Amino acid sequence: MHLHFSDPYQERESPLHALDPRVKVLGALAYIAGCSLMPAGAWGGYLALLILLLSLVGAARLGWAFTLKRSFVALPFVLAALALPFTVAGETVIQLPVLGWQVSDAGVLRLTTVVLRSWLAVQGAILLTAITRFHEILWALGALGLPGTIVGTLGFMYRYLFVLGDEGLRLLRARSARSARLAGTKPPGVVWQAQVAGGMVGSLFLRSLERSERIYQAMLARGYDGTARRMDTIKAGTWQWVLLAAYAAALAALLALAHWV
């Protein structure tokens, strides 16, 4: 393998790492749901969610900067909401001379809410992948009732991204070996580069299709029936489910308080 993806899992000895994967997945989903349902303008609620997140990060012994430095993952959500201050009706707070654009207070409030919700939710997902191995997340999703077809597809997609990436690197290396030019000469034109890139994409697709057929036939020959099995068994103690229930109740109380206030 020449292409290595960064594994988000962080090996630590912490109480969160030792939890049942199902408990961790349900806890992350509850946190993300809490972020999504928090009302706009409830700044105290968002602060409480941030404090809860940092507390969990500290309990996992990851360091508070671990999730914060990965905040760029939420950037697409911010970019998608940049137009809200100009499109949402409300009282004008800023009048821009360019094209007569107006920034409304309701639009700024909605943009800020979208940014906070997406940023906190993404940090919760990052924390989940940092304390849970990917195959354990897949097992937990299957144990919680997610269809086996979806779980299997996610597992194969993750595993064979490495294979596809390595195949793409070989194609790039082959293109470089066949595209030598003398020093001082002009590089190939855009049309030629586009044709070569299109051919590479097509070749990668055909190779991937053929490889998938061979792998699937090999798996069938070895008794694969669509279910990924584990050699070990995971059993959550009663205290873990009680802890999860208390955690969910605290989030529900926080949401109720934010909506009531």
Protein backbone atom coordinates (compact mmCIF):
# COMPACT_ATOMS: atom_id res chain seq x y z
CA MET A 1 0.00 0.00 0.00
CA HIS A 2 1.34 3.41 -1.01
CA LEU A 3 -1.69 5.43 0.02
CA HIS A 4 -2.54 5.66 3.70
CA PHE A 5 -5.61 7.41 5.06
CA SER A 6 -5.35 8.93 8.50
CA ASP A 7 -7.17 6.68 10.94
CA PRO A 8 -9.32 8.92 13.15
CA TYR A 9 -9.26 6.43 16.03
CA GLN A 10 -7.01 7.50 18.90
CA GLU A 11 -5.74 4.75 21.17
CA ARG A 12 -6.21 5.79 24.80
CA GLU A 13 -6.98 4.30 28.20
CA SER A 14 -10.10 6.19 29.19
CA PRO A 15 -13.64 5.51 30.49
CA LEU A 16 -15.14 6.58 27.16
CA HIS A 17 -12.97 4.22 25.15
CA ALA A 18 -14.11 1.33 27.34
CA LEU A 19 -17.82 1.92 26.72
CA ASP A 20 -19.93 -0.38 24.59
CA PRO A 21 -19.92 0.82 20.94
CA ARG A 22 -23.74 0.91 20.96
CA VAL A 23 -23.71 3.24 23.94
CA LYS A 24 -21.19 5.52 22.24
CA VAL A 25 -23.13 5.61 18.96
CA LEU A 26 -26.43 6.36 20.72
CA GLY A 27 -24.73 9.01 22.83
CA ALA A 28 -23.28 10.70 19.75
CA LEU A 29 -26.65 10.60 17.98
CA ALA A 30 -28.33 12.10 21.04
CA TYR A 31 -25.77 14.90 21.14
CA ILE A 32 -26.18 15.64 17.43
CA ALA A 33 -29.96 15.65 17.83
CA GLY A 34 -29.60 18.05 20.75
CA CYS A 35 -27.51 20.39 18.63
CA SER A 36 -30.07 20.26 15.81
CA LEU A 37 -33.07 20.89 18.08
CA MET A 38 -31.53 23.70 20.10
CA PRO A 39 -33.58 26.84 19.34
CA ALA A 40 -32.08 29.84 17.57
CA GLY A 41 -30.69 32.45 19.92
CA ALA A 42 -30.39 30.08 22.89
CA TRP A 43 -26.76 31.05 23.48
CA GLY A 44 -26.71 29.56 26.96
CA GLY A 45 -27.83 26.22 25.54
CA TYR A 46 -25.09 26.23 22.92
CA LEU A 47 -22.55 27.14 25.58
CA ALA A 48 -23.75 24.21 27.69
CA LEU A 49 -23.39 21.87 24.71
CA LEU A 50 -19.85 23.13 24.13
CA ILE A 51 -18.95 22.62 27.79
CA LEU A 52 -20.39 19.10 27.62
CA LEU A 53 -18.34 18.36 24.50
CA LEU A 54 -15.11 19.64 26.06
CA SER A 55 -15.84 17.63 29.19
CA LEU A 56 -16.22 14.44 27.16
CA VAL A 57 -13.05 15.21 25.21
CA GLY A 58 -11.22 15.67 28.49
CA ALA A 59 -12.64 12.41 29.86
CA ALA A 60 -11.40 10.64 26.73
CA ARG A 61 -7.90 12.06 27.37
CA LEU A 62 -7.67 13.52 23.89
CA GLY A 63 -6.86 17.10 24.80
CA TRP A 64 -9.26 19.96 24.22
CA ALA A 65 -7.49 21.03 21.04
CA PHE A 66 -8.10 17.64 19.41
CA THR A 67 -11.57 18.35 18.07
CA LEU A 68 -11.16 22.12 17.87
CA LYS A 69 -8.34 21.90 15.33
CA ARG A 70 -10.56 19.75 13.10
CA SER A 71 -13.24 22.43 12.89
CA PHE A 72 -12.60 22.96 9.18
CA VAL A 73 -14.73 19.88 8.51
CA ALA A 74 -17.80 22.02 9.24
CA LEU A 75 -16.75 24.65 6.69
CA PRO A 76 -19.09 23.40 3.90
CA PHE A 77 -22.10 23.94 6.17
CA VAL A 78 -20.95 27.51 6.83
CA LEU A 79 -20.45 28.26 3.14
CA ALA A 80 -23.92 26.96 2.32
CA ALA A 81 -25.47 29.39 4.83
CA LEU A 82 -23.52 32.54 3.93
CA ALA A 83 -26.40 33.93 1.91
CA LEU A 84 -28.85 33.86 4.83
CA PRO A 85 -28.10 37.38 6.16
CA PHE A 86 -28.98 38.79 2.73
CA THR A 87 -32.04 36.67 1.95
CA VAL A 88 -33.93 36.35 5.24
CA ALA A 89 -36.41 39.15 5.85
CA GLY A 90 -35.95 41.24 8.98
CA GLU A 91 -34.79 44.54 10.34
CA THR A 92 -31.81 45.92 8.42
CA VAL A 93 -28.66 46.19 10.54
CA ILE A 94 -26.07 46.82 7.81
CA GLN A 95 -26.54 48.51 4.44
CA LEU A 96 -23.89 47.47 1.95
CA PRO A 97 -23.13 49.91 -0.86
CA VAL A 98 -22.47 47.04 -3.27
CA LEU A 99 -25.63 46.27 -5.23
CA GLY A 100 -27.71 47.72 -2.41
CA TRP A 101 -27.47 44.55 -0.35
CA GLN A 102 -28.99 44.59 3.15
CA VAL A 103 -28.03 42.47 6.12
CA SER A 104 -31.00 41.62 8.35
CA ASP A 105 -30.90 40.80 12.03
CA ALA A 106 -32.98 37.67 11.47
CA GLY A 107 -30.57 36.51 8.78
CA VAL A 108 -27.54 37.02 11.04
CA LEU A 109 -29.31 35.12 13.81
CA ARG A 110 -30.10 32.22 11.51
CA LEU A 111 -26.55 32.14 10.09
CA THR A 112 -25.05 32.09 13.58
CA THR A 113 -27.42 29.32 14.61
CA VAL A 114 -26.55 27.19 11.56
CA VAL A 115 -22.83 27.68 12.21
CA LEU A 116 -23.10 26.70 15.87
CA ARG A 117 -25.35 23.71 15.22
CA SER A 118 -23.20 22.28 12.42
CA TRP A 119 -19.92 22.97 14.21
CA LEU A 120 -21.00 21.32 17.47
CA ALA A 121 -22.60 18.36 15.66
CA VAL A 122 -19.45 17.76 13.61
CA GLN A 123 -17.32 17.89 16.76
CA GLY A 124 -19.56 15.26 18.33
CA ALA A 125 -19.09 12.99 15.31
CA ILE A 126 -15.32 13.54 15.41
CA LEU A 127 -15.26 12.54 19.06
CA LEU A 128 -17.19 9.34 18.26
CA THR A 129 -14.70 8.27 15.57
CA ALA A 130 -11.79 9.16 17.85
CA ILE A 131 -12.90 6.83 20.66
CA THR A 132 -14.46 4.04 18.57
CA ARG A 133 -12.87 1.92 15.85
CA PHE A 134 -14.66 1.98 12.52
CA HIS A 135 -15.56 -1.71 12.53
CA GLU A 136 -17.00 -1.30 16.02
CA ILE A 137 -19.19 1.57 14.79
CA LEU A 138 -20.44 -0.68 11.98
CA TRP A 139 -21.17 -3.48 14.43
CA ALA A 140 -23.04 -1.07 16.69
CA LEU A 141 -25.13 0.24 13.79
CA GLY A 142 -26.05 -3.32 12.82
CA ALA A 143 -26.85 -4.25 16.42
CA LEU A 144 -29.09 -1.18 16.71
CA GLY A 145 -31.18 -2.27 13.72
CA LEU A 146 -29.60 -0.61 10.69
CA PRO A 147 -30.16 -2.86 7.63
CA GLY A 148 -27.28 -5.22 6.99
CA THR A 149 -27.01 -4.10 3.37
CA ILE A 150 -26.24 -0.53 4.42
CA VAL A 151 -23.78 -1.67 7.09
CA GLY A 152 -21.99 -3.94 4.62
CA THR A 153 -21.84 -1.21 1.98
CA LEU A 154 -20.32 1.25 4.45
CA GLY A 155 -17.75 -1.31 5.55
CA PHE A 156 -16.65 -2.20 2.01
CA MET A 157 -16.59 1.46 0.99
CA TYR A 158 -14.21 2.30 3.83
CA ARG A 159 -11.94 -0.69 3.27
CA TYR A 160 -11.61 -0.36 -0.50
CA LEU A 161 -11.02 3.39 -0.54
CA PHE A 162 -7.42 2.40 0.18
CA VAL A 163 -7.35 0.06 -2.81
CA LEU A 164 -8.90 2.62 -5.16
CA GLY A 165 -6.53 5.31 -3.93
CA ASP A 166 -3.51 3.10 -4.55
CA GLU A 167 -4.83 2.24 -8.03
CA GLY A 168 -5.21 5.94 -8.77
CA LEU A 169 -1.61 6.59 -7.72
CA ARG A 170 -0.41 3.89 -10.10
CA LEU A 171 -2.33 5.53 -12.93
CA LEU A 172 -0.78 8.90 -12.11
CA ARG A 173 2.68 7.32 -12.05
CA ALA A 174 2.06 5.69 -15.43
CA ARG A 175 0.92 9.02 -16.90
CA SER A 176 4.04 10.75 -15.60
CA ALA A 177 6.26 8.02 -17.09
CA ARG A 178 4.62 8.49 -20.52
CA SER A 179 4.53 12.29 -20.50
CA ALA A 180 8.21 13.20 -20.45
CA ARG A 181 9.16 16.43 -22.22
CA LEU A 182 12.38 18.29 -22.88
CA ALA A 183 13.42 21.15 -20.64
CA GLY A 184 12.20 24.48 -21.92
CA THR A 185 9.28 23.07 -23.92
CA LYS A 186 5.70 24.05 -23.23
CA PRO A 187 3.50 21.71 -21.20
CA PRO A 188 0.65 19.89 -22.97
CA GLY A 189 -2.52 21.86 -23.63
CA VAL A 190 -5.66 21.78 -21.56
CA VAL A 191 -7.53 19.68 -24.13
CA TRP A 192 -4.86 16.98 -24.07
CA GLN A 193 -4.79 16.95 -20.26
CA ALA A 194 -8.59 16.68 -20.15
CA GLN A 195 -8.54 13.74 -22.56
CA VAL A 196 -5.91 11.95 -20.52
CA ALA A 197 -7.76 12.62 -17.26
CA GLY A 198 -10.99 11.29 -18.76
CA GLY A 199 -9.22 8.14 -19.92
CA MET A 200 -7.73 7.64 -16.47
CA VAL A 201 -11.13 7.97 -14.81
CA GLY A 202 -12.62 5.45 -17.21
CA SER A 203 -9.76 3.04 -16.69
CA LEU A 204 -10.08 3.36 -12.91
CA PHE A 205 -13.81 2.65 -13.15
CA LEU A 206 -13.29 -0.48 -15.27
CA ARG A 207 -10.50 -1.77 -13.04
CA SER A 208 -12.63 -1.17 -9.95
CA LEU A 209 -15.58 -3.00 -11.49
CA GLU A 210 -13.48 -6.00 -12.47
CA ARG A 211 -11.78 -6.10 -9.08
CA SER A 212 -15.10 -5.94 -7.24
CA GLU A 213 -16.41 -8.90 -9.24
CA ARG A 214 -13.33 -10.97 -8.44
CA ILE A 215 -13.46 -10.09 -4.75
CA TYR A 216 -17.16 -10.87 -4.51
CA GLN A 217 -16.72 -14.26 -6.16
CA ALA A 218 -13.84 -15.03 -3.80
CA MET A 219 -15.96 -14.07 -0.80
CA LEU A 220 -18.83 -16.28 -1.95
CA ALA A 221 -16.40 -19.16 -2.35
CA ARG A 222 -15.42 -18.68 1.30
CA GLY A 223 -18.98 -18.73 2.59
CA TYR A 224 -19.87 -15.04 2.71
CA ASP A 225 -23.62 -14.54 3.17
CA GLY A 226 -23.79 -10.77 3.54
CA THR A 227 -23.10 -10.65 7.28
CA ALA A 228 -19.80 -9.58 8.81
CA ARG A 229 -19.18 -11.60 11.95
CA ARG A 230 -17.10 -10.84 15.02
CA MET A 231 -14.91 -13.33 16.83
CA ASP A 232 -15.44 -11.62 20.19
CA THR A 233 -18.68 -10.62 21.88
CA ILE A 234 -19.45 -7.24 23.39
CA LYS A 235 -21.78 -6.94 26.34
CA ALA A 236 -22.63 -3.61 27.94
CA GLY A 237 -23.09 -3.61 31.68
CA THR A 238 -26.29 -2.29 33.16
CA TRP A 239 -24.48 0.77 34.47
CA GLN A 240 -23.61 1.81 30.92
CA TRP A 241 -27.27 1.87 29.87
CA VAL A 242 -28.16 3.75 33.05
CA LEU A 243 -25.43 6.25 32.28
CA LEU A 244 -26.74 6.63 28.73
CA ALA A 245 -30.29 7.19 30.01
CA ALA A 246 -29.07 9.86 32.44
CA TYR A 247 -27.07 11.51 29.66
CA ALA A 248 -30.11 11.56 27.34
CA ALA A 249 -32.30 12.91 30.14
CA ALA A 250 -29.83 15.72 30.78
CA LEU A 251 -29.86 16.67 27.10
CA ALA A 252 -33.66 16.58 27.05
CA ALA A 253 -33.81 18.80 30.14
CA LEU A 254 -31.37 21.24 28.54
CA LEU A 255 -33.52 21.42 25.39
CA ALA A 256 -36.70 21.88 27.40
CA LEU A 257 -35.10 24.67 29.43
CA ALA A 258 -33.81 26.39 26.28
CA HIS A 259 -37.26 26.28 24.64
CA TRP A 260 -39.02 27.38 27.82
CA VAL A 261 -36.71 30.33 28.46
